[in-house]
Amino acid sequence: MAEGFNQCVFSGNLAGDATVRRAGDNDVASYTVAVNGRKEGDTLWLRCDHWKPGGVVEFLKKGKQVLVCGEIRMDEWEKDGEKRSAIKLNVKRMQLIGGSRQEAPDDLAAIF
């Protein structure tokens, strides 16, 4: 069977500041990107996990415009005996967009 292709690109605004946690030997930044649709009120709230985010985390603040690229995955867990699931983006690359490039050093304004 041929291997599938799972690559998605979204642009939007951060819904809140990124949070960082440790997973084994790696840092993982988690954040939500609000992707506006064509109609008012048609917003996709995309949960993102960004592995090994480096120094860019300090610039991932609520309202910042970002471009994220990665693989969609389904997370499943159980809470209070009820099965739950959510679609997440496993971010492979991220770029700060919009606003002044002087807000972040040049090496952080590039795609990660």
PDB file of N, CA and C in Angstrom:
ATOM      1  N   MET A   1       0.849  -1.175   0.000  1.00  0.00           N
ATOM      2  CA  MET A   1       0.000   0.000   0.000  1.00  0.00           C
ATOM      3  C   MET A   1       0.895   1.238   0.000  1.00  0.00           C
ATOM      4  N   ALA A   2       0.541   2.226  -0.771  1.00  0.00           N
ATOM      5  CA  ALA A   2       1.312   3.466  -0.857  1.00  0.00           C
ATOM      6  C   ALA A   2       1.116   4.308   0.407  1.00  0.00           C
ATOM      7  N   GLU A   3       2.164   5.000   0.791  1.00  0.00           N
ATOM      8  CA  GLU A   3       2.099   5.880   1.951  1.00  0.00           C
ATOM      9  C   GLU A   3       1.301   7.130   1.597  1.00  0.00           C
ATOM     10  N   GLY A   4       0.454   7.582   2.507  1.00  0.00           N
ATOM     11  CA  GLY A   4      -0.353   8.772   2.269  1.00  0.00           C
ATOM     12  C   GLY A   4       0.442  10.046   2.479  1.00  0.00           C
ATOM     13  N   PHE A   5      -0.154  11.152   2.103  1.00  0.00           N
ATOM     14  CA  PHE A   5       0.458  12.473   2.242  1.00  0.00           C
ATOM     15  C   PHE A   5      -0.427  13.296   3.156  1.00  0.00           C
ATOM     16  N   ASN A   6       0.124  13.768   4.257  1.00  0.00           N
ATOM     17  CA  ASN A   6      -0.626  14.521   5.254  1.00  0.00           C
ATOM     18  C   ASN A   6       0.135  15.812   5.526  1.00  0.00           C
ATOM     19  N   GLN A   7      -0.238  16.894   4.851  1.00  0.00           N
ATOM     20  CA  GLN A   7       0.428  18.175   5.017  1.00  0.00           C
ATOM     21  C   GLN A   7      -0.615  19.273   4.891  1.00  0.00           C
ATOM     22  N   CYS A   8      -0.705  20.129   5.898  1.00  0.00           N
ATOM     23  CA  CYS A   8      -1.705  21.203   5.908  1.00  0.00           C
ATOM     24  C   CYS A   8      -1.029  22.520   6.263  1.00  0.00           C
ATOM     25  N   VAL A   9      -1.556  23.613   5.721  1.00  0.00           N
ATOM     26  CA  VAL A   9      -1.045  24.953   6.002  1.00  0.00           C
ATOM     27  C   VAL A   9      -2.224  25.836   6.408  1.00  0.00           C
ATOM     28  N   PHE A  10      -2.057  26.565   7.500  1.00  0.00           N
ATOM     29  CA  PHE A  10      -3.097  27.473   7.992  1.00  0.00           C
ATOM     30  C   PHE A  10      -2.450  28.801   8.381  1.00  0.00           C
ATOM     31  N   SER A  11      -3.191  29.878   8.221  1.00  0.00           N
ATOM     32  CA  SER A  11      -2.757  31.166   8.757  1.00  0.00           C
ATOM     33  C   SER A  11      -3.885  31.704   9.622  1.00  0.00           C
ATOM     34  N   GLY A  12      -3.499  32.374  10.687  1.00  0.00           N
ATOM     35  CA  GLY A  12      -4.492  32.931  11.592  1.00  0.00           C
ATOM     36  C   GLY A  12      -3.815  33.647  12.743  1.00  0.00           C
ATOM     37  N   ASN A  13      -4.595  33.889  13.786  1.00  0.00           N
ATOM     38  CA  ASN A  13      -4.099  34.596  14.962  1.00  0.00           C
ATOM     39  C   ASN A  13      -4.105  33.666  16.162  1.00  0.00           C
ATOM     40  N   LEU A  14      -3.095  33.831  17.020  1.00  0.00           N
ATOM     41  CA  LEU A  14      -3.050  33.024  18.236  1.00  0.00           C
ATOM     42  C   LEU A  14      -4.197  33.423  19.163  1.00  0.00           C
ATOM     43  N   ALA A  15      -4.916  32.430  19.646  1.00  0.00           N
ATOM     44  CA  ALA A  15      -6.062  32.671  20.522  1.00  0.00           C
ATOM     45  C   ALA A  15      -5.628  32.923  21.964  1.00  0.00           C
ATOM     46  N   GLY A  16      -4.392  32.620  22.273  1.00  0.00           N
ATOM     47  CA  GLY A  16      -3.836  32.820  23.614  1.00  0.00           C
ATOM     48  C   GLY A  16      -2.333  32.626  23.553  1.00  0.00           C
ATOM     49  N   ASP A  17      -1.659  32.911  24.645  1.00  0.00           N
ATOM     50  CA  ASP A  17      -0.216  32.701  24.707  1.00  0.00           C
ATOM     51  C   ASP A  17       0.100  31.208  24.638  1.00  0.00           C
ATOM     52  N   ALA A  18       1.208  30.865  24.013  1.00  0.00           N
ATOM     53  CA  ALA A  18       1.655  29.476  23.946  1.00  0.00           C
ATOM     54  C   ALA A  18       2.069  29.008  25.337  1.00  0.00           C
ATOM     55  N   THR A  19       1.825  27.738  25.615  1.00  0.00           N
ATOM     56  CA  THR A  19       2.304  27.122  26.846  1.00  0.00           C
ATOM     57  C   THR A  19       3.314  26.052  26.468  1.00  0.00           C
ATOM     58  N   VAL A  20       4.313  25.851  27.323  1.00  0.00           N
ATOM     59  CA  VAL A  20       5.365  24.881  27.034  1.00  0.00           C
ATOM     60  C   VAL A  20       5.378  23.812  28.113  1.00  0.00           C
ATOM     61  N   ARG A  21       5.546  22.563  27.676  1.00  0.00           N
ATOM     62  CA  ARG A  21       5.677  21.437  28.605  1.00  0.00           C
ATOM     63  C   ARG A  21       6.813  20.550  28.112  1.00  0.00           C
ATOM     64  N   ARG A  22       7.301  19.696  28.989  1.00  0.00           N
ATOM     65  CA  ARG A  22       8.332  18.730  28.625  1.00  0.00           C
ATOM     66  C   ARG A  22       7.664  17.405  28.302  1.00  0.00           C
ATOM     67  N   ALA A  23       8.118  16.765  27.225  1.00  0.00           N
ATOM     68  CA  ALA A  23       7.670  15.422  26.845  1.00  0.00           C
ATOM     69  C   ALA A  23       8.936  14.625  26.566  1.00  0.00           C
ATOM     70  N   GLY A  24       9.357  13.852  27.547  1.00  0.00           N
ATOM     71  CA  GLY A  24      10.630  13.147  27.412  1.00  0.00           C
ATOM     72  C   GLY A  24      11.762  14.144  27.433  1.00  0.00           C
ATOM     73  N   ASP A  25      12.580  14.136  26.405  1.00  0.00           N
ATOM     74  CA  ASP A  25      13.715  15.054  26.303  1.00  0.00           C
ATOM     75  C   ASP A  25      13.401  16.304  25.496  1.00  0.00           C
ATOM     76  N   ASN A  26      12.156  16.482  25.098  1.00  0.00           N
ATOM     77  CA  ASN A  26      11.791  17.577  24.206  1.00  0.00           C
ATOM     78  C   ASN A  26      10.818  18.554  24.847  1.00  0.00           C
ATOM     79  N   ASP A  27      10.903  19.810  24.393  1.00  0.00           N
ATOM     80  CA  ASP A  27       9.901  20.812  24.735  1.00  0.00           C
ATOM     81  C   ASP A  27       8.789  20.737  23.688  1.00  0.00           C
ATOM     82  N   VAL A  28       7.562  20.967  24.143  1.00  0.00           N
ATOM     83  CA  VAL A  28       6.414  21.031  23.239  1.00  0.00           C
ATOM     84  C   VAL A  28       5.639  22.306  23.574  1.00  0.00           C
ATOM     85  N   ALA A  29       5.487  23.180  22.585  1.00  0.00           N
ATOM     86  CA  ALA A  29       4.672  24.379  22.757  1.00  0.00           C
ATOM     87  C   ALA A  29       3.267  24.057  22.243  1.00  0.00           C
ATOM     88  N   SER A  30       2.280  24.370  23.038  1.00  0.00           N
ATOM     89  CA  SER A  30       0.887  24.163  22.636  1.00  0.00           C
ATOM     90  C   SER A  30       0.209  25.522  22.525  1.00  0.00           C
ATOM     91  N   TYR A  31      -0.562  25.679  21.467  1.00  0.00           N
ATOM     92  CA  TYR A  31      -1.295  26.921  21.258  1.00  0.00           C
ATOM     93  C   TYR A  31      -2.468  26.658  20.322  1.00  0.00           C
ATOM     94  N   THR A  32      -3.390  27.601  20.297  1.00  0.00           N
ATOM     95  CA  THR A  32      -4.548  27.509  19.417  1.00  0.00           C
ATOM     96  C   THR A  32      -4.501  28.659  18.423  1.00  0.00           C
ATOM     97  N   VAL A  33      -4.730  28.326  17.158  1.00  0.00           N
ATOM     98  CA  VAL A  33      -4.753  29.331  16.096  1.00  0.00           C
ATOM     99  C   VAL A  33      -6.203  29.507  15.646  1.00  0.00           C
ATOM    100  N   ALA A  34      -6.667  30.755  15.640  1.00  0.00           N
ATOM    101  CA  ALA A  34      -8.005  31.083  15.148  1.00  0.00           C
ATOM    102  C   ALA A  34      -7.890  31.397  13.657  1.00  0.00           C
ATOM    103  N   VAL A  35      -8.475  30.521  12.836  1.00  0.00           N
ATOM    104  CA  VAL A  35      -8.421  30.679  11.384  1.00  0.00           C
ATOM    105  C   VAL A  35      -9.791  31.172  10.928  1.00  0.00           C
ATOM    106  N   ASN A  36      -9.845  32.407  10.446  1.00  0.00           N
ATOM    107  CA  ASN A  36     -11.112  32.993  10.028  1.00  0.00           C
ATOM    108  C   ASN A  36     -11.590  32.395   8.716  1.00  0.00           C
ATOM    109  N   GLY A  37     -12.880  32.118   8.655  1.00  0.00           N
ATOM    110  CA  GLY A  37     -13.495  31.608   7.425  1.00  0.00           C
ATOM    111  C   GLY A  37     -13.954  32.743   6.540  1.00  0.00           C
ATOM    112  N   ARG A  38     -14.689  32.399   5.521  1.00  0.00           N
ATOM    113  CA  ARG A  38     -15.169  33.404   4.560  1.00  0.00           C
ATOM    114  C   ARG A  38     -16.277  34.265   5.130  1.00  0.00           C
ATOM    115  N   LYS A  39     -17.071  33.686   6.022  1.00  0.00           N
ATOM    116  CA  LYS A  39     -18.175  34.432   6.627  1.00  0.00           C
ATOM    117  C   LYS A  39     -17.806  34.823   8.053  1.00  0.00           C
ATOM    118  N   GLU A  40     -18.386  35.918   8.519  1.00  0.00           N
ATOM    119  CA  GLU A  40     -18.167  36.345   9.894  1.00  0.00           C
ATOM    120  C   GLU A  40     -18.695  35.274  10.845  1.00  0.00           C
ATOM    121  N   GLY A  41     -17.925  34.951  11.844  1.00  0.00           N
ATOM    122  CA  GLY A  41     -18.319  33.936  12.809  1.00  0.00           C
ATOM    123  C   GLY A  41     -17.970  32.517  12.386  1.00  0.00           C
ATOM    124  N   ASP A  42     -17.406  32.370  11.188  1.00  0.00           N
ATOM    125  CA  ASP A  42     -17.024  31.047  10.675  1.00  0.00           C
ATOM    126  C   ASP A  42     -15.533  30.836  10.955  1.00  0.00           C
ATOM    127  N   THR A  43     -15.199  30.602  12.223  1.00  0.00           N
ATOM    128  CA  THR A  43     -13.813  30.496  12.661  1.00  0.00           C
ATOM    129  C   THR A  43     -13.478  29.061  13.039  1.00  0.00           C
ATOM    130  N   LEU A  44     -12.331  28.593  12.562  1.00  0.00           N
ATOM    131  CA  LEU A  44     -11.794  27.287  12.947  1.00  0.00           C
ATOM    132  C   LEU A  44     -10.809  27.515  14.074  1.00  0.00           C
ATOM    133  N   TRP A  45     -11.010  26.843  15.194  1.00  0.00           N
ATOM    134  CA  TRP A  45     -10.104  26.933  16.337  1.00  0.00           C
ATOM    135  C   TRP A  45      -9.207  25.706  16.271  1.00  0.00           C
ATOM    136  N   LEU A  46      -7.986  25.895  15.807  1.00  0.00           N
ATOM    137  CA  LEU A  46      -7.071  24.798  15.528  1.00  0.00           C
ATOM    138  C   LEU A  46      -6.059  24.642  16.657  1.00  0.00           C
ATOM    139  N   ARG A  47      -6.134  23.505  17.355  1.00  0.00           N
ATOM    140  CA  ARG A  47      -5.148  23.205  18.401  1.00  0.00           C
ATOM    141  C   ARG A  47      -3.850  22.775  17.745  1.00  0.00           C
ATOM    142  N   CYS A  48      -2.731  23.268  18.253  1.00  0.00           N
ATOM    143  CA  CYS A  48      -1.420  22.970  17.664  1.00  0.00           C
ATOM    144  C   CYS A  48      -0.438  22.501  18.728  1.00  0.00           C
ATOM    145  N   ASP A  49       0.359  21.506  18.385  1.00  0.00           N
ATOM    146  CA  ASP A  49       1.508  21.087  19.185  1.00  0.00           C
ATOM    147  C   ASP A  49       2.743  21.307  18.341  1.00  0.00           C
ATOM    148  N   HIS A  50       3.680  22.072  18.872  1.00  0.00           N
ATOM    149  CA  HIS A  50       4.899  22.447  18.148  1.00  0.00           C
ATOM    150  C   HIS A  50       6.082  21.857  18.915  1.00  0.00           C
ATOM    151  N   TRP A  51       6.638  20.761  18.398  1.00  0.00           N
ATOM    152  CA  TRP A  51       7.751  20.072  19.043  1.00  0.00           C
ATOM    153  C   TRP A  51       9.050  20.822  18.793  1.00  0.00           C
ATOM    154  N   LYS A  52       9.882  20.909  19.818  1.00  0.00           N
ATOM    155  CA  LYS A  52      11.183  21.592  19.751  1.00  0.00           C
ATOM    156  C   LYS A  52      11.035  23.003  19.184  1.00  0.00           C
ATOM    157  N   PRO A  53      10.240  23.856  19.845  1.00  0.00           N
ATOM    158  CA  PRO A  53       9.963  25.188  19.293  1.00  0.00           C
ATOM    159  C   PRO A  53      11.127  26.168  19.413  1.00  0.00           C
ATOM    160  N   GLY A  54      12.091  25.881  20.273  1.00  0.00           N
ATOM    161  CA  GLY A  54      13.227  26.788  20.431  1.00  0.00           C
ATOM    162  C   GLY A  54      12.811  28.118  21.030  1.00  0.00           C
ATOM    163  N   GLY A  55      13.578  29.165  20.725  1.00  0.00           N
ATOM    164  CA  GLY A  55      13.361  30.481  21.313  1.00  0.00           C
ATOM    165  C   GLY A  55      12.163  31.242  20.800  1.00  0.00           C
ATOM    166  N   VAL A  56      11.460  30.694  19.818  1.00  0.00           N
ATOM    167  CA  VAL A  56      10.318  31.408  19.248  1.00  0.00           C
ATOM    168  C   VAL A  56       9.151  31.511  20.238  1.00  0.00           C
ATOM    169  N   VAL A  57       9.118  30.658  21.248  1.00  0.00           N
ATOM    170  CA  VAL A  57       7.984  30.604  22.182  1.00  0.00           C
ATOM    171  C   VAL A  57       7.700  31.967  22.818  1.00  0.00           C
ATOM    172  N   GLU A  58       8.731  32.710  23.148  1.00  0.00           N
ATOM    173  CA  GLU A  58       8.518  33.998  23.814  1.00  0.00           C
ATOM    174  C   GLU A  58       7.761  34.996  22.932  1.00  0.00           C
ATOM    175  N   PHE A  59       7.706  34.738  21.625  1.00  0.00           N
ATOM    176  CA  PHE A  59       7.001  35.630  20.704  1.00  0.00           C
ATOM    177  C   PHE A  59       5.596  35.136  20.375  1.00  0.00           C
ATOM    178  N   LEU A  60       5.218  33.968  20.867  1.00  0.00           N
ATOM    179  CA  LEU A  60       3.902  33.394  20.573  1.00  0.00           C
ATOM    180  C   LEU A  60       2.886  33.876  21.602  1.00  0.00           C
ATOM    181  N   LYS A  61       2.416  35.079  21.397  1.00  0.00           N
ATOM    182  CA  LYS A  61       1.489  35.748  22.310  1.00  0.00           C
ATOM    183  C   LYS A  61       0.133  35.933  21.648  1.00  0.00           C
ATOM    184  N   LYS A  62      -0.878  36.013  22.478  1.00  0.00           N
ATOM    185  CA  LYS A  62      -2.255  36.182  22.000  1.00  0.00           C
ATOM    186  C   LYS A  62      -2.341  37.313  20.976  1.00  0.00           C
ATOM    187  N   GLY A  63      -3.025  37.022  19.853  1.00  0.00           N
ATOM    188  CA  GLY A  63      -3.256  38.015  18.811  1.00  0.00           C
ATOM    189  C   GLY A  63      -2.225  38.013  17.701  1.00  0.00           C
ATOM    190  N   LYS A  64      -1.050  37.430  17.931  1.00  0.00           N
ATOM    191  CA  LYS A  64      -0.005  37.401  16.897  1.00  0.00           C
ATOM    192  C   LYS A  64      -0.476  36.602  15.696  1.00  0.00           C
ATOM    193  N   GLN A  65      -0.128  37.072  14.496  1.00  0.00           N
ATOM    194  CA  GLN A  65      -0.453  36.348  13.274  1.00  0.00           C
ATOM    195  C   GLN A  65       0.649  35.331  13.004  1.00  0.00           C
ATOM    196  N   VAL A  66       0.228  34.111  12.669  1.00  0.00           N
ATOM    197  CA  VAL A  66       1.179  33.045  12.380  1.00  0.00           C
ATOM    198  C   VAL A  66       0.747  32.262  11.147  1.00  0.00           C
ATOM    199  N   LEU A  67       1.720  31.617  10.542  1.00  0.00           N
ATOM    200  CA  LEU A  67       1.500  30.653   9.474  1.00  0.00           C
ATOM    201  C   LEU A  67       2.058  29.341  10.013  1.00  0.00           C
ATOM    202  N   VAL A  68       1.223  28.302  10.078  1.00  0.00           N
ATOM    203  CA  VAL A  68       1.656  27.011  10.597  1.00  0.00           C
ATOM    204  C   VAL A  68       1.494  25.945   9.524  1.00  0.00           C
ATOM    205  N   CYS A  69       2.428  25.024   9.498  1.00  0.00           N
ATOM    206  CA  CYS A  69       2.432  23.954   8.514  1.00  0.00           C
ATOM    207  C   CYS A  69       2.760  22.663   9.250  1.00  0.00           C
ATOM    208  N   GLY A  70       2.004  21.615   8.985  1.00  0.00           N
ATOM    209  CA  GLY A  70       2.272  20.353   9.657  1.00  0.00           C
ATOM    210  C   GLY A  70       1.279  19.279   9.288  1.00  0.00           C
ATOM    211  N   GLU A  71       1.246  18.244  10.129  1.00  0.00           N
ATOM    212  CA  GLU A  71       0.394  17.080   9.899  1.00  0.00           C
ATOM    213  C   GLU A  71      -0.802  17.089  10.842  1.00  0.00           C
ATOM    214  N   ILE A  72      -1.977  16.823  10.285  1.00  0.00           N
ATOM    215  CA  ILE A  72      -3.188  16.687  11.092  1.00  0.00           C
ATOM    216  C   ILE A  72      -3.172  15.308  11.738  1.00  0.00           C
ATOM    217  N   ARG A  73      -3.581  15.253  13.012  1.00  0.00           N
ATOM    218  CA  ARG A  73      -3.689  13.962  13.686  1.00  0.00           C
ATOM    219  C   ARG A  73      -4.894  13.979  14.620  1.00  0.00           C
ATOM    220  N   MET A  74      -5.364  12.804  14.943  1.00  0.00           N
ATOM    221  CA  MET A  74      -6.504  12.655  15.846  1.00  0.00           C
ATOM    222  C   MET A  74      -5.975  12.209  17.202  1.00  0.00           C
ATOM    223  N   ASP A  75      -6.208  13.012  18.229  1.00  0.00           N
ATOM    224  CA  ASP A  75      -5.870  12.627  19.597  1.00  0.00           C
ATOM    225  C   ASP A  75      -7.112  12.037  20.244  1.00  0.00           C
ATOM    226  N   GLU A  76      -6.943  10.935  20.929  1.00  0.00           N
ATOM    227  CA  GLU A  76      -8.056  10.284  21.627  1.00  0.00           C
ATOM    228  C   GLU A  76      -7.663  10.026  23.070  1.00  0.00           C
ATOM    229  N   TRP A  77      -8.616  10.224  23.982  1.00  0.00           N
ATOM    230  CA  TRP A  77      -8.385   9.974  25.393  1.00  0.00           C
ATOM    231  C   TRP A  77      -9.716   9.676  26.056  1.00  0.00           C
ATOM    232  N   GLU A  78      -9.642   9.306  27.314  1.00  0.00           N
ATOM    233  CA  GLU A  78     -10.854   9.014  28.072  1.00  0.00           C
ATOM    234  C   GLU A  78     -10.888   9.921  29.288  1.00  0.00           C
ATOM    235  N   LYS A  79     -12.037  10.518  29.552  1.00  0.00           N
ATOM    236  CA  LYS A  79     -12.220  11.395  30.707  1.00  0.00           C
ATOM    237  C   LYS A  79     -13.552  11.051  31.353  1.00  0.00           C
ATOM    238  N   ASP A  80     -13.513  10.770  32.639  1.00  0.00           N
ATOM    239  CA  ASP A  80     -14.719  10.411  33.390  1.00  0.00           C
ATOM    240  C   ASP A  80     -15.479   9.266  32.723  1.00  0.00           C
ATOM    241  N   GLY A  81     -14.719   8.294  32.200  1.00  0.00           N
ATOM    242  CA  GLY A  81     -15.327   7.131  31.571  1.00  0.00           C
ATOM    243  C   GLY A  81     -15.881   7.378  30.179  1.00  0.00           C
ATOM    244  N   GLU A  82     -15.709   8.591  29.664  1.00  0.00           N
ATOM    245  CA  GLU A  82     -16.223   8.940  28.344  1.00  0.00           C
ATOM    246  C   GLU A  82     -15.067   9.122  27.366  1.00  0.00           C
ATOM    247  N   LYS A  83     -15.167   8.478  26.200  1.00  0.00           N
ATOM    248  CA  LYS A  83     -14.138   8.618  25.184  1.00  0.00           C
ATOM    249  C   LYS A  83     -14.273   9.977  24.509  1.00  0.00           C
ATOM    250  N   ARG A  84     -13.125  10.624  24.331  1.00  0.00           N
ATOM    251  CA  ARG A  84     -13.103  11.937  23.687  1.00  0.00           C
ATOM    252  C   ARG A  84     -12.043  11.945  22.599  1.00  0.00           C
ATOM    253  N   SER A  85     -12.178  12.880  21.679  1.00  0.00           N
ATOM    254  CA  SER A  85     -11.187  13.010  20.621  1.00  0.00           C
ATOM    255  C   SER A  85     -11.142  14.460  20.147  1.00  0.00           C
ATOM    256  N   ALA A  86     -10.010  14.820  19.556  1.00  0.00           N
ATOM    257  CA  ALA A  86      -9.843  16.164  19.011  1.00  0.00           C
ATOM    258  C   ALA A  86      -8.830  16.098  17.880  1.00  0.00           C
ATOM    259  N   ILE A  87      -9.052  16.921  16.885  1.00  0.00           N
ATOM    260  CA  ILE A  87      -8.109  17.032  15.792  1.00  0.00           C
ATOM    261  C   ILE A  87      -7.069  18.079  16.185  1.00  0.00           C
ATOM    262  N   LYS A  88      -5.786  17.744  15.962  1.00  0.00           N
ATOM    263  CA  LYS A  88      -4.688  18.660  16.261  1.00  0.00           C
ATOM    264  C   LYS A  88      -3.752  18.742  15.073  1.00  0.00           C
ATOM    265  N   LEU A  89      -3.011  19.837  15.022  1.00  0.00           N
ATOM    266  CA  LEU A  89      -1.974  19.987  14.019  1.00  0.00           C
ATOM    267  C   LEU A  89      -0.628  19.770  14.698  1.00  0.00           C
ATOM    268  N   ASN A  90       0.143  18.803  14.211  1.00  0.00           N
ATOM    269  CA  ASN A  90       1.497  18.566  14.680  1.00  0.00           C
ATOM    270  C   ASN A  90       2.393  19.484  13.848  1.00  0.00           C
ATOM    271  N   VAL A  91       2.737  20.641  14.392  1.00  0.00           N
ATOM    272  CA  VAL A  91       3.430  21.690  13.647  1.00  0.00           C
ATOM    273  C   VAL A  91       4.866  21.275  13.336  1.00  0.00           C
ATOM    274  N   LYS A  92       5.201  21.341  12.068  1.00  0.00           N
ATOM    275  CA  LYS A  92       6.561  21.066  11.612  1.00  0.00           C
ATOM    276  C   LYS A  92       7.299  22.366  11.306  1.00  0.00           C
ATOM    277  N   ARG A  93       6.537  23.360  10.808  1.00  0.00           N
ATOM    278  CA  ARG A  93       7.114  24.661  10.471  1.00  0.00           C
ATOM    279  C   ARG A  93       6.143  25.754  10.886  1.00  0.00           C
ATOM    280  N   MET A  94       6.701  26.882  11.321  1.00  0.00           N
ATOM    281  CA  MET A  94       5.875  28.000  11.760  1.00  0.00           C
ATOM    282  C   MET A  94       6.587  29.288  11.393  1.00  0.00           C
ATOM    283  N   GLN A  95       5.798  30.290  11.009  1.00  0.00           N
ATOM    284  CA  GLN A  95       6.365  31.591  10.697  1.00  0.00           C
ATOM    285  C   GLN A  95       5.502  32.669  11.310  1.00  0.00           C
ATOM    286  N   LEU A  96       6.147  33.651  11.929  1.00  0.00           N
ATOM    287  CA  LEU A  96       5.442  34.827  12.410  1.00  0.00           C
ATOM    288  C   LEU A  96       5.156  35.690  11.186  1.00  0.00           C
ATOM    289  N   ILE A  97       3.927  36.162  11.037  1.00  0.00           N
ATOM    290  CA  ILE A  97       3.573  37.004   9.893  1.00  0.00           C
ATOM    291  C   ILE A  97       2.872  38.259  10.392  1.00  0.00           C
ATOM    292  N   GLY A  98       2.750  39.242   9.536  1.00  0.00           N
ATOM    293  CA  GLY A  98       2.071  40.475   9.913  1.00  0.00           C
ATOM    294  C   GLY A  98       2.887  41.272  10.910  1.00  0.00           C
ATOM    295  N   GLY A  99       2.499  42.499  11.124  1.00  0.00           N
ATOM    296  CA  GLY A  99       3.174  43.337  12.114  1.00  0.00           C
ATOM    297  C   GLY A  99       4.597  43.658  11.718  1.00  0.00           C
ATOM    298  N   SER A 100       5.336  44.198  12.642  1.00  0.00           N
ATOM    299  CA  SER A 100       6.710  44.609  12.410  1.00  0.00           C
ATOM    300  C   SER A 100       7.668  43.449  12.594  1.00  0.00           C
ATOM    301  N   ARG A 101       8.590  43.284  11.663  1.00  0.00           N
ATOM    302  CA  ARG A 101       9.606  42.230  11.774  1.00  0.00           C
ATOM    303  C   ARG A 101      10.608  42.580  12.863  1.00  0.00           C
ATOM    304  N   GLN A 102      10.591  43.824  13.326  1.00  0.00           N
ATOM    305  CA  GLN A 102      11.536  44.238  14.352  1.00  0.00           C
ATOM    306  C   GLN A 102      11.128  43.724  15.722  1.00  0.00           C
ATOM    307  N   GLU A 103       9.942  43.155  15.828  1.00  0.00           N
ATOM    308  CA  GLU A 103       9.486  42.610  17.104  1.00  0.00           C
ATOM    309  C   GLU A 103      10.276  41.372  17.482  1.00  0.00           C
ATOM    310  N   ALA A 104      10.788  40.638  16.485  1.00  0.00           N
ATOM    311  CA  ALA A 104      11.552  39.427  16.741  1.00  0.00           C
ATOM    312  C   ALA A 104      12.836  39.492  15.931  1.00  0.00           C
ATOM    313  N   PRO A 105      13.926  38.927  16.470  1.00  0.00           N
ATOM    314  CA  PRO A 105      15.162  38.884  15.686  1.00  0.00           C
ATOM    315  C   PRO A 105      14.930  38.159  14.373  1.00  0.00           C
ATOM    316  N   ASP A 106      15.716  38.493  13.343  1.00  0.00           N
ATOM    317  CA  ASP A 106      15.549  37.925  12.010  1.00  0.00           C
ATOM    318  C   ASP A 106      15.520  36.401  12.016  1.00  0.00           C
ATOM    319  N   ASP A 107      16.363  35.779  12.830  1.00  0.00           N
ATOM    320  CA  ASP A 107      16.407  34.311  12.809  1.00  0.00           C
ATOM    321  C   ASP A 107      15.143  33.692  13.386  1.00  0.00           C
ATOM    322  N   LEU A 108      14.371  34.428  14.176  1.00  0.00           N
ATOM    323  CA  LEU A 108      13.127  33.898  14.723  1.00  0.00           C
ATOM    324  C   LEU A 108      11.921  34.221  13.834  1.00  0.00           C
ATOM    325  N   ALA A 109      12.069  35.180  12.940  1.00  0.00           N
ATOM    326  CA  ALA A 109      10.965  35.534  12.053  1.00  0.00           C
ATOM    327  C   ALA A 109      10.906  34.606  10.850  1.00  0.00           C
ATOM    328  N   ALA A 110      11.894  33.747  10.703  1.00  0.00           N
ATOM    329  CA  ALA A 110      11.918  32.797   9.592  1.00  0.00           C
ATOM    330  C   ALA A 110      11.103  31.567   9.946  1.00  0.00           C
ATOM    331  N   ILE A 111      10.869  30.736   8.945  1.00  0.00           N
ATOM    332  CA  ILE A 111      10.128  29.500   9.172  1.00  0.00           C
ATOM    333  C   ILE A 111      10.928  28.571  10.048  1.00  0.00           C
ATOM    334  N   PHE A 112      10.269  27.936  11.004  1.00  0.00           N
ATOM    335  CA  PHE A 112      10.916  26.975  11.908  1.00  0.00           C
ATOM    336  C   PHE A 112      10.539  25.574  11.506  1.00  0.00           C
TER     337      PHE A 112
END
